[in-house]
Amino acid sequence: MTEAMLKRILDEAQAKKGEGGEQELGEGRRITLYAAHAGVPLTVSKVVALRVTEGTLHARNDKGERFFLALEDVFAAGVEGGTAAAALSRKAGFVGQ
């Protein structure tokens, strides 16, 4: 992934500069990152903040866990949420109580 592509993704997720230089996503927004290296895939989901330092992508999820990925190994991202309707929707296969 290029830094230009990451910037476009952060714009879509309505990210704003937060403390520590992280880009914090807009309210209700989450990003799923897809990376692979030497044929081994990795998916990092529910990311709420991102930062790039010297080619390393620092990602923090909603549990406070941190992931460090080579930016060049990240090849795609999905942006989720952001609307009241999305917050109320359920994934297929789950039944509400």
PDB file of N, CA and C in Angstrom:
ATOM      1  N   MET A   1       0.851  -1.167   0.000  1.00  0.00           N
ATOM      2  CA  MET A   1       0.000   0.000   0.000  1.00  0.00           C
ATOM      3  C   MET A   1       0.897   1.230   0.000  1.00  0.00           C
ATOM      4  N   THR A   2       0.486   2.216  -0.732  1.00  0.00           N
ATOM      5  CA  THR A   2       1.226   3.471  -0.740  1.00  0.00           C
ATOM      6  C   THR A   2       0.658   4.408   0.325  1.00  0.00           C
ATOM      7  N   GLU A   3       1.447   5.415   0.697  1.00  0.00           N
ATOM      8  CA  GLU A   3       0.950   6.389   1.672  1.00  0.00           C
ATOM      9  C   GLU A   3      -0.221   7.172   1.098  1.00  0.00           C
ATOM     10  N   ALA A   4      -0.236   7.387  -0.219  1.00  0.00           N
ATOM     11  CA  ALA A   4      -1.351   8.084  -0.863  1.00  0.00           C
ATOM     12  C   ALA A   4      -2.637   7.269  -0.739  1.00  0.00           C
ATOM     13  N   MET A   5      -2.535   5.946  -0.927  1.00  0.00           N
ATOM     14  CA  MET A   5      -3.709   5.082  -0.786  1.00  0.00           C
ATOM     15  C   MET A   5      -4.195   5.096   0.661  1.00  0.00           C
ATOM     16  N   LEU A   6      -3.270   5.030   1.618  1.00  0.00           N
ATOM     17  CA  LEU A   6      -3.645   5.070   3.026  1.00  0.00           C
ATOM     18  C   LEU A   6      -4.336   6.388   3.360  1.00  0.00           C
ATOM     19  N   LYS A   7      -3.833   7.496   2.805  1.00  0.00           N
ATOM     20  CA  LYS A   7      -4.462   8.797   3.051  1.00  0.00           C
ATOM     21  C   LYS A   7      -5.903   8.798   2.552  1.00  0.00           C
ATOM     22  N   ARG A   8      -6.134   8.210   1.387  1.00  0.00           N
ATOM     23  CA  ARG A   8      -7.505   8.139   0.829  1.00  0.00           C
ATOM     24  C   ARG A   8      -8.419   7.322   1.740  1.00  0.00           C
ATOM     25  N   ILE A   9      -7.900   6.213   2.279  1.00  0.00           N
ATOM     26  CA  ILE A   9      -8.676   5.371   3.195  1.00  0.00           C
ATOM     27  C   ILE A   9      -8.998   6.141   4.473  1.00  0.00           C
ATOM     28  N   LEU A  10      -8.013   6.867   5.008  1.00  0.00           N
ATOM     29  CA  LEU A  10      -8.235   7.655   6.221  1.00  0.00           C
ATOM     30  C   LEU A  10      -9.238   8.781   5.980  1.00  0.00           C
ATOM     31  N   ASP A  11      -9.215   9.374   4.782  1.00  0.00           N
ATOM     32  CA  ASP A  11     -10.220  10.391   4.436  1.00  0.00           C
ATOM     33  C   ASP A  11     -11.613   9.776   4.438  1.00  0.00           C
ATOM     34  N   GLU A  12     -11.737   8.594   3.855  1.00  0.00           N
ATOM     35  CA  GLU A  12     -13.028   7.897   3.798  1.00  0.00           C
ATOM     36  C   GLU A  12     -13.534   7.566   5.204  1.00  0.00           C
ATOM     37  N   ALA A  13     -12.617   7.258   6.116  1.00  0.00           N
ATOM     38  CA  ALA A  13     -12.976   6.908   7.493  1.00  0.00           C
ATOM     39  C   ALA A  13     -13.101   8.132   8.393  1.00  0.00           C
ATOM     40  N   GLN A  14     -13.011   9.320   7.807  1.00  0.00           N
ATOM     41  CA  GLN A  14     -13.142  10.588   8.526  1.00  0.00           C
ATOM     42  C   GLN A  14     -12.161  10.682   9.699  1.00  0.00           C
ATOM     43  N   ALA A  15     -10.907  10.296   9.446  1.00  0.00           N
ATOM     44  CA  ALA A  15      -9.880  10.314  10.490  1.00  0.00           C
ATOM     45  C   ALA A  15      -9.428  11.734  10.793  1.00  0.00           C
ATOM     46  N   LYS A  16      -9.131  11.954  12.054  1.00  0.00           N
ATOM     47  CA  LYS A  16      -8.622  13.243  12.538  1.00  0.00           C
ATOM     48  C   LYS A  16      -7.359  12.989  13.345  1.00  0.00           C
ATOM     49  N   LYS A  17      -6.449  13.950  13.309  1.00  0.00           N
ATOM     50  CA  LYS A  17      -5.191  13.842  14.060  1.00  0.00           C
ATOM     51  C   LYS A  17      -5.495  13.820  15.552  1.00  0.00           C
ATOM     52  N   GLY A  18      -5.005  12.763  16.228  1.00  0.00           N
ATOM     53  CA  GLY A  18      -5.204  12.623  17.667  1.00  0.00           C
ATOM     54  C   GLY A  18      -3.885  12.768  18.397  1.00  0.00           C
ATOM     55  N   GLU A  19      -3.901  12.444  19.678  1.00  0.00           N
ATOM     56  CA  GLU A  19      -2.683  12.548  20.462  1.00  0.00           C
ATOM     57  C   GLU A  19      -1.682  11.481  20.031  1.00  0.00           C
ATOM     58  N   GLY A  20      -0.402  11.790  20.171  1.00  0.00           N
ATOM     59  CA  GLY A  20       0.634  10.847  19.790  1.00  0.00           C
ATOM     60  C   GLY A  20       0.841  10.725  18.297  1.00  0.00           C
ATOM     61  N   GLY A  21       0.201  11.613  17.507  1.00  0.00           N
ATOM     62  CA  GLY A  21       0.369  11.576  16.064  1.00  0.00           C
ATOM     63  C   GLY A  21      -0.493  10.560  15.346  1.00  0.00           C
ATOM     64  N   GLU A  22      -1.352   9.843  16.075  1.00  0.00           N
ATOM     65  CA  GLU A  22      -2.237   8.864  15.442  1.00  0.00           C
ATOM     66  C   GLU A  22      -3.375   9.564  14.709  1.00  0.00           C
ATOM     67  N   GLN A  23      -3.825   8.935  13.655  1.00  0.00           N
ATOM     68  CA  GLN A  23      -5.029   9.356  12.963  1.00  0.00           C
ATOM     69  C   GLN A  23      -6.177   8.538  13.553  1.00  0.00           C
ATOM     70  N   GLU A  24      -7.060   9.193  14.306  1.00  0.00           N
ATOM     71  CA  GLU A  24      -8.182   8.499  14.943  1.00  0.00           C
ATOM     72  C   GLU A  24      -9.397   8.582  14.040  1.00  0.00           C
ATOM     73  N   LEU A  25     -10.048   7.443  13.847  1.00  0.00           N
ATOM     74  CA  LEU A  25     -11.179   7.370  12.920  1.00  0.00           C
ATOM     75  C   LEU A  25     -12.386   8.092  13.467  1.00  0.00           C
ATOM     76  N   GLY A  26     -13.287   8.492  12.551  1.00  0.00           N
ATOM     77  CA  GLY A  26     -14.529   9.145  12.931  1.00  0.00           C
ATOM     78  C   GLY A  26     -15.380   8.230  13.795  1.00  0.00           C
ATOM     79  N   GLU A  27     -16.303   8.830  14.521  1.00  0.00           N
ATOM     80  CA  GLU A  27     -17.148   8.082  15.459  1.00  0.00           C
ATOM     81  C   GLU A  27     -17.880   6.931  14.770  1.00  0.00           C
ATOM     82  N   GLY A  28     -17.772   5.751  15.357  1.00  0.00           N
ATOM     83  CA  GLY A  28     -18.429   4.563  14.826  1.00  0.00           C
ATOM     84  C   GLY A  28     -17.704   3.907  13.667  1.00  0.00           C
ATOM     85  N   ARG A  29     -16.606   4.485  13.221  1.00  0.00           N
ATOM     86  CA  ARG A  29     -15.866   3.931  12.079  1.00  0.00           C
ATOM     87  C   ARG A  29     -14.823   2.926  12.556  1.00  0.00           C
ATOM     88  N   ARG A  30     -14.607   1.896  11.773  1.00  0.00           N
ATOM     89  CA  ARG A  30     -13.583   0.889  12.023  1.00  0.00           C
ATOM     90  C   ARG A  30     -12.973   0.502  10.678  1.00  0.00           C
ATOM     91  N   ILE A  31     -11.695   0.142  10.710  1.00  0.00           N
ATOM     92  CA  ILE A  31     -11.013  -0.302   9.495  1.00  0.00           C
ATOM     93  C   ILE A  31     -10.535  -1.734   9.709  1.00  0.00           C
ATOM     94  N   THR A  32     -10.647  -2.536   8.676  1.00  0.00           N
ATOM     95  CA  THR A  32     -10.039  -3.858   8.649  1.00  0.00           C
ATOM     96  C   THR A  32      -8.894  -3.792   7.646  1.00  0.00           C
ATOM     97  N   LEU A  33      -7.692  -4.177   8.101  1.00  0.00           N
ATOM     98  CA  LEU A  33      -6.504  -4.166   7.250  1.00  0.00           C
ATOM     99  C   LEU A  33      -6.201  -5.588   6.784  1.00  0.00           C
ATOM    100  N   TYR A  34      -5.804  -5.715   5.528  1.00  0.00           N
ATOM    101  CA  TYR A  34      -5.436  -6.998   4.958  1.00  0.00           C
ATOM    102  C   TYR A  34      -3.981  -6.924   4.516  1.00  0.00           C
ATOM    103  N   ALA A  35      -3.160  -7.791   5.072  1.00  0.00           N
ATOM    104  CA  ALA A  35      -1.729  -7.800   4.760  1.00  0.00           C
ATOM    105  C   ALA A  35      -1.295  -9.220   4.448  1.00  0.00           C
ATOM    106  N   ALA A  36      -0.154  -9.340   3.772  1.00  0.00           N
ATOM    107  CA  ALA A  36       0.439 -10.650   3.497  1.00  0.00           C
ATOM    108  C   ALA A  36       1.933 -10.469   3.292  1.00  0.00           C
ATOM    109  N   HIS A  37       2.677 -11.460   3.750  1.00  0.00           N
ATOM    110  CA  HIS A  37       4.123 -11.455   3.551  1.00  0.00           C
ATOM    111  C   HIS A  37       4.571 -12.894   3.350  1.00  0.00           C
ATOM    112  N   ALA A  38       5.326 -13.130   2.308  1.00  0.00           N
ATOM    113  CA  ALA A  38       5.827 -14.468   1.968  1.00  0.00           C
ATOM    114  C   ALA A  38       4.696 -15.497   1.933  1.00  0.00           C
ATOM    115  N   GLY A  39       3.542 -15.081   1.416  1.00  0.00           N
ATOM    116  CA  GLY A  39       2.412 -15.991   1.271  1.00  0.00           C
ATOM    117  C   GLY A  39       1.591 -16.217   2.522  1.00  0.00           C
ATOM    118  N   VAL A  40       1.933 -15.549   3.621  1.00  0.00           N
ATOM    119  CA  VAL A  40       1.208 -15.714   4.876  1.00  0.00           C
ATOM    120  C   VAL A  40       0.288 -14.500   5.071  1.00  0.00           C
ATOM    121  N   PRO A  41      -1.044 -14.718   5.092  1.00  0.00           N
ATOM    122  CA  PRO A  41      -1.969 -13.593   5.236  1.00  0.00           C
ATOM    123  C   PRO A  41      -2.197 -13.208   6.699  1.00  0.00           C
ATOM    124  N   LEU A  42      -2.559 -11.949   6.901  1.00  0.00           N
ATOM    125  CA  LEU A  42      -2.910 -11.439   8.227  1.00  0.00           C
ATOM    126  C   LEU A  42      -4.038 -10.439   8.056  1.00  0.00           C
ATOM    127  N   THR A  43      -5.062 -10.571   8.872  1.00  0.00           N
ATOM    128  CA  THR A  43      -6.163  -9.624   8.888  1.00  0.00           C
ATOM    129  C   THR A  43      -6.197  -8.971  10.255  1.00  0.00           C
ATOM    130  N   VAL A  44      -6.212  -7.648  10.274  1.00  0.00           N
ATOM    131  CA  VAL A  44      -6.298  -6.884  11.526  1.00  0.00           C
ATOM    132  C   VAL A  44      -7.611  -6.131  11.471  1.00  0.00           C
ATOM    133  N   SER A  45      -8.536  -6.478  12.371  1.00  0.00           N
ATOM    134  CA  SER A  45      -9.867  -5.881  12.307  1.00  0.00           C
ATOM    135  C   SER A  45     -10.136  -4.939  13.471  1.00  0.00           C
ATOM    136  N   LYS A  46     -11.201  -4.160  13.304  1.00  0.00           N
ATOM    137  CA  LYS A  46     -11.694  -3.206  14.299  1.00  0.00           C
ATOM    138  C   LYS A  46     -10.641  -2.178  14.698  1.00  0.00           C
ATOM    139  N   VAL A  47      -9.883  -1.711  13.706  1.00  0.00           N
ATOM    140  CA  VAL A  47      -8.858  -0.697  13.926  1.00  0.00           C
ATOM    141  C   VAL A  47      -9.535   0.662  14.092  1.00  0.00           C
ATOM    142  N   VAL A  48      -9.138   1.404  15.151  1.00  0.00           N
ATOM    143  CA  VAL A  48      -9.716   2.720  15.421  1.00  0.00           C
ATOM    144  C   VAL A  48      -8.709   3.857  15.250  1.00  0.00           C
ATOM    145  N   ALA A  49      -7.401   3.529  15.136  1.00  0.00           N
ATOM    146  CA  ALA A  49      -6.385   4.566  14.962  1.00  0.00           C
ATOM    147  C   ALA A  49      -5.189   3.992  14.199  1.00  0.00           C
ATOM    148  N   LEU A  50      -4.584   4.848  13.365  1.00  0.00           N
ATOM    149  CA  LEU A  50      -3.437   4.450  12.548  1.00  0.00           C
ATOM    150  C   LEU A  50      -2.379   5.541  12.559  1.00  0.00           C
ATOM    151  N   ARG A  51      -1.137   5.107  12.341  1.00  0.00           N
ATOM    152  CA  ARG A  51      -0.018   6.049  12.201  1.00  0.00           C
ATOM    153  C   ARG A  51       1.051   5.368  11.367  1.00  0.00           C
ATOM    154  N   VAL A  52       1.735   6.121  10.522  1.00  0.00           N
ATOM    155  CA  VAL A  52       2.840   5.590   9.719  1.00  0.00           C
ATOM    156  C   VAL A  52       4.131   6.254  10.170  1.00  0.00           C
ATOM    157  N   THR A  53       5.142   5.434  10.456  1.00  0.00           N
ATOM    158  CA  THR A  53       6.468   5.918  10.825  1.00  0.00           C
ATOM    159  C   THR A  53       7.502   5.108  10.062  1.00  0.00           C
ATOM    160  N   GLU A  54       8.258   5.769   9.202  1.00  0.00           N
ATOM    161  CA  GLU A  54       9.348   5.134   8.456  1.00  0.00           C
ATOM    162  C   GLU A  54       8.948   3.807   7.807  1.00  0.00           C
ATOM    163  N   GLY A  55       7.814   3.799   7.122  1.00  0.00           N
ATOM    164  CA  GLY A  55       7.369   2.606   6.411  1.00  0.00           C
ATOM    165  C   GLY A  55       6.671   1.565   7.264  1.00  0.00           C
ATOM    166  N   THR A  56       6.495   1.853   8.565  1.00  0.00           N
ATOM    167  CA  THR A  56       5.797   0.935   9.465  1.00  0.00           C
ATOM    168  C   THR A  56       4.416   1.498   9.779  1.00  0.00           C
ATOM    169  N   LEU A  57       3.400   0.687   9.585  1.00  0.00           N
ATOM    170  CA  LEU A  57       2.031   1.080   9.901  1.00  0.00           C
ATOM    171  C   LEU A  57       1.708   0.613  11.314  1.00  0.00           C
ATOM    172  N   HIS A  58       1.405   1.556  12.187  1.00  0.00           N
ATOM    173  CA  HIS A  58       1.022   1.262  13.564  1.00  0.00           C
ATOM    174  C   HIS A  58      -0.501   1.300  13.601  1.00  0.00           C
ATOM    175  N   ALA A  59      -1.131   0.213  14.021  1.00  0.00           N
ATOM    176  CA  ALA A  59      -2.593   0.143  14.079  1.00  0.00           C
ATOM    177  C   ALA A  59      -3.027  -0.202  15.494  1.00  0.00           C
ATOM    178  N   ARG A  60      -4.065   0.500  15.990  1.00  0.00           N
ATOM    179  CA  ARG A  60      -4.623   0.226  17.321  1.00  0.00           C
ATOM    180  C   ARG A  60      -6.081  -0.139  17.134  1.00  0.00           C
ATOM    181  N   ASN A  61      -6.485  -1.280  17.725  1.00  0.00           N
ATOM    182  CA  ASN A  61      -7.887  -1.686  17.589  1.00  0.00           C
ATOM    183  C   ASN A  61      -8.707  -1.186  18.773  1.00  0.00           C
ATOM    184  N   ASP A  62      -9.999  -1.503  18.767  1.00  0.00           N
ATOM    185  CA  ASP A  62     -10.891  -0.989  19.807  1.00  0.00           C
ATOM    186  C   ASP A  62     -10.685  -1.639  21.167  1.00  0.00           C
ATOM    187  N   LYS A  63      -9.838  -2.667  21.247  1.00  0.00           N
ATOM    188  CA  LYS A  63      -9.488  -3.280  22.535  1.00  0.00           C
ATOM    189  C   LYS A  63      -8.186  -2.710  23.082  1.00  0.00           C
ATOM    190  N   GLY A  64      -7.571  -1.796  22.345  1.00  0.00           N
ATOM    191  CA  GLY A  64      -6.308  -1.210  22.759  1.00  0.00           C
ATOM    192  C   GLY A  64      -5.091  -1.998  22.324  1.00  0.00           C
ATOM    193  N   GLU A  65      -5.295  -3.089  21.594  1.00  0.00           N
ATOM    194  CA  GLU A  65      -4.181  -3.881  21.090  1.00  0.00           C
ATOM    195  C   GLU A  65      -3.496  -3.106  19.957  1.00  0.00           C
ATOM    196  N   ARG A  66      -2.181  -3.246  19.864  1.00  0.00           N
ATOM    197  CA  ARG A  66      -1.415  -2.556  18.825  1.00  0.00           C
ATOM    198  C   ARG A  66      -0.771  -3.565  17.893  1.00  0.00           C
ATOM    199  N   PHE A  67      -0.789  -3.231  16.611  1.00  0.00           N
ATOM    200  CA  PHE A  67      -0.212  -4.080  15.575  1.00  0.00           C
ATOM    201  C   PHE A  67       0.761  -3.228  14.769  1.00  0.00           C
ATOM    202  N   PHE A  68       1.872  -3.810  14.366  1.00  0.00           N
ATOM    203  CA  PHE A  68       2.892  -3.119  13.595  1.00  0.00           C
ATOM    204  C   PHE A  68       3.117  -3.898  12.305  1.00  0.00           C
ATOM    205  N   LEU A  69       2.843  -3.251  11.181  1.00  0.00           N
ATOM    206  CA  LEU A  69       2.907  -3.894   9.876  1.00  0.00           C
ATOM    207  C   LEU A  69       3.799  -3.083   8.945  1.00  0.00           C
ATOM    208  N   ALA A  70       4.511  -3.770   8.071  1.00  0.00           N
ATOM    209  CA  ALA A  70       5.227  -3.067   7.006  1.00  0.00           C
ATOM    210  C   ALA A  70       4.170  -2.523   6.049  1.00  0.00           C
ATOM    211  N   LEU A  71       4.197  -1.236   5.799  1.00  0.00           N
ATOM    212  CA  LEU A  71       3.200  -0.619   4.930  1.00  0.00           C
ATOM    213  C   LEU A  71       3.162  -1.309   3.571  1.00  0.00           C
ATOM    214  N   GLU A  72       4.301  -1.740   3.086  1.00  0.00           N
ATOM    215  CA  GLU A  72       4.362  -2.407   1.776  1.00  0.00           C
ATOM    216  C   GLU A  72       3.667  -3.763   1.774  1.00  0.00           C
ATOM    217  N   ASP A  73       3.440  -4.373   2.960  1.00  0.00           N
ATOM    218  CA  ASP A  73       2.770  -5.675   3.046  1.00  0.00           C
ATOM    219  C   ASP A  73       1.252  -5.546   3.120  1.00  0.00           C
ATOM    220  N   VAL A  74       0.750  -4.348   3.387  1.00  0.00           N
ATOM    221  CA  VAL A  74      -0.695  -4.122   3.455  1.00  0.00           C
ATOM    222  C   VAL A  74      -1.190  -3.883   2.033  1.00  0.00           C
ATOM    223  N   PHE A  75      -2.202  -4.660   1.616  1.00  0.00           N
ATOM    224  CA  PHE A  75      -2.648  -4.541   0.228  1.00  0.00           C
ATOM    225  C   PHE A  75      -4.097  -4.087   0.086  1.00  0.00           C
ATOM    226  N   ALA A  76      -4.855  -4.059   1.190  1.00  0.00           N
ATOM    227  CA  ALA A  76      -6.252  -3.638   1.095  1.00  0.00           C
ATOM    228  C   ALA A  76      -6.767  -3.250   2.477  1.00  0.00           C
ATOM    229  N   ALA A  77      -7.889  -2.524   2.467  1.00  0.00           N
ATOM    230  CA  ALA A  77      -8.537  -2.133   3.719  1.00  0.00           C
ATOM    231  C   ALA A  77     -10.029  -1.991   3.468  1.00  0.00           C
ATOM    232  N   GLY A  78     -10.804  -2.279   4.501  1.00  0.00           N
ATOM    233  CA  GLY A  78     -12.240  -2.089   4.445  1.00  0.00           C
ATOM    234  C   GLY A  78     -12.647  -1.125   5.534  1.00  0.00           C
ATOM    235  N   VAL A  79     -13.498  -0.143   5.201  1.00  0.00           N
ATOM    236  CA  VAL A  79     -13.988   0.838   6.173  1.00  0.00           C
ATOM    237  C   VAL A  79     -15.415   0.471   6.536  1.00  0.00           C
ATOM    238  N   GLU A  80     -15.685   0.393   7.838  1.00  0.00           N
ATOM    239  CA  GLU A  80     -17.014  -0.003   8.331  1.00  0.00           C
ATOM    240  C   GLU A  80     -17.616   1.104   9.182  1.00  0.00           C
ATOM    241  N   GLY A  81     -18.945   1.109   9.257  1.00  0.00           N
ATOM    242  CA  GLY A  81     -19.655   1.972  10.186  1.00  0.00           C
ATOM    243  C   GLY A  81     -19.744   3.415   9.768  1.00  0.00           C
ATOM    244  N   GLY A  82     -20.164   4.209  10.756  1.00  0.00           N
ATOM    245  CA  GLY A  82     -20.240   5.636  10.527  1.00  0.00           C
ATOM    246  C   GLY A  82     -21.638   6.208  10.522  1.00  0.00           C
ATOM    247  N   THR A  83     -22.654   5.363  10.435  1.00  0.00           N
ATOM    248  CA  THR A  83     -24.027   5.869  10.455  1.00  0.00           C
ATOM    249  C   THR A  83     -24.817   5.151  11.530  1.00  0.00           C
ATOM    250  N   ALA A  84     -25.882   5.752  11.961  1.00  0.00           N
ATOM    251  CA  ALA A  84     -26.736   5.119  12.968  1.00  0.00           C
ATOM    252  C   ALA A  84     -27.298   3.803  12.444  1.00  0.00           C
ATOM    253  N   ALA A  85     -27.645   3.766  11.157  1.00  0.00           N
ATOM    254  CA  ALA A  85     -28.187   2.534  10.571  1.00  0.00           C
ATOM    255  C   ALA A  85     -27.160   1.418  10.618  1.00  0.00           C
ATOM    256  N   ALA A  86     -25.900   1.745  10.341  1.00  0.00           N
ATOM    257  CA  ALA A  86     -24.842   0.722  10.367  1.00  0.00           C
ATOM    258  C   ALA A  86     -24.626   0.205  11.775  1.00  0.00           C
ATOM    259  N   ALA A  87     -24.741   1.071  12.761  1.00  0.00           N
ATOM    260  CA  ALA A  87     -24.541   0.662  14.144  1.00  0.00           C
ATOM    261  C   ALA A  87     -25.641  -0.289  14.608  1.00  0.00           C
ATOM    262  N   LEU A  88     -26.832  -0.163  14.033  1.00  0.00           N
ATOM    263  CA  LEU A  88     -27.954  -1.010  14.424  1.00  0.00           C
ATOM    264  C   LEU A  88     -28.029  -2.298  13.625  1.00  0.00           C
ATOM    265  N   SER A  89     -27.304  -2.373  12.510  1.00  0.00           N
ATOM    266  CA  SER A  89     -27.376  -3.561  11.677  1.00  0.00           C
ATOM    267  C   SER A  89     -26.613  -4.714  12.321  1.00  0.00           C
ATOM    268  N   ARG A  90     -26.984  -5.935  11.898  1.00  0.00           N
ATOM    269  CA  ARG A  90     -26.335  -7.134  12.432  1.00  0.00           C
ATOM    270  C   ARG A  90     -25.708  -7.905  11.298  1.00  0.00           C
ATOM    271  N   LYS A  91     -24.659  -8.639  11.612  1.00  0.00           N
ATOM    272  CA  LYS A  91     -24.044  -9.523  10.633  1.00  0.00           C
ATOM    273  C   LYS A  91     -24.964 -10.721  10.396  1.00  0.00           C
ATOM    274  N   ALA A  92     -24.928 -11.279   9.207  1.00  0.00           N
ATOM    275  CA  ALA A  92     -25.747 -12.433   8.877  1.00  0.00           C
ATOM    276  C   ALA A  92     -25.448 -13.596   9.814  1.00  0.00           C
ATOM    277  N   GLY A  93     -26.495 -14.305  10.230  1.00  0.00           N
ATOM    278  CA  GLY A  93     -26.309 -15.488  11.068  1.00  0.00           C
ATOM    279  C   GLY A  93     -26.453 -15.236  12.553  1.00  0.00           C
ATOM    280  N   PHE A  94     -26.565 -13.986  12.952  1.00  0.00           N
ATOM    281  CA  PHE A  94     -26.729 -13.677  14.356  1.00  0.00           C
ATOM    282  C   PHE A  94     -28.158 -13.181  14.611  1.00  0.00           C
ATOM    283  N   VAL A  95     -28.748 -13.662  15.672  1.00  0.00           N
ATOM    284  CA  VAL A  95     -30.118 -13.305  16.006  1.00  0.00           C
ATOM    285  C   VAL A  95     -30.100 -12.426  17.248  1.00  0.00           C
ATOM    286  N   GLY A  96     -30.807 -11.296  17.201  1.00  0.00           N
ATOM    287  CA  GLY A  96     -30.868 -10.388  18.352  1.00  0.00           C
ATOM    288  C   GLY A  96     -31.773 -10.950  19.435  1.00  0.00           C
ATOM    289  N   GLN A  97     -31.543 -10.532  20.638  1.00  0.00           N
ATOM    290  CA  GLN A  97     -32.346 -10.976  21.782  1.00  0.00           C
ATOM    291  C   GLN A  97     -33.494 -10.046  22.025  1.00  0.00           C
TER     292      GLN A  97
END
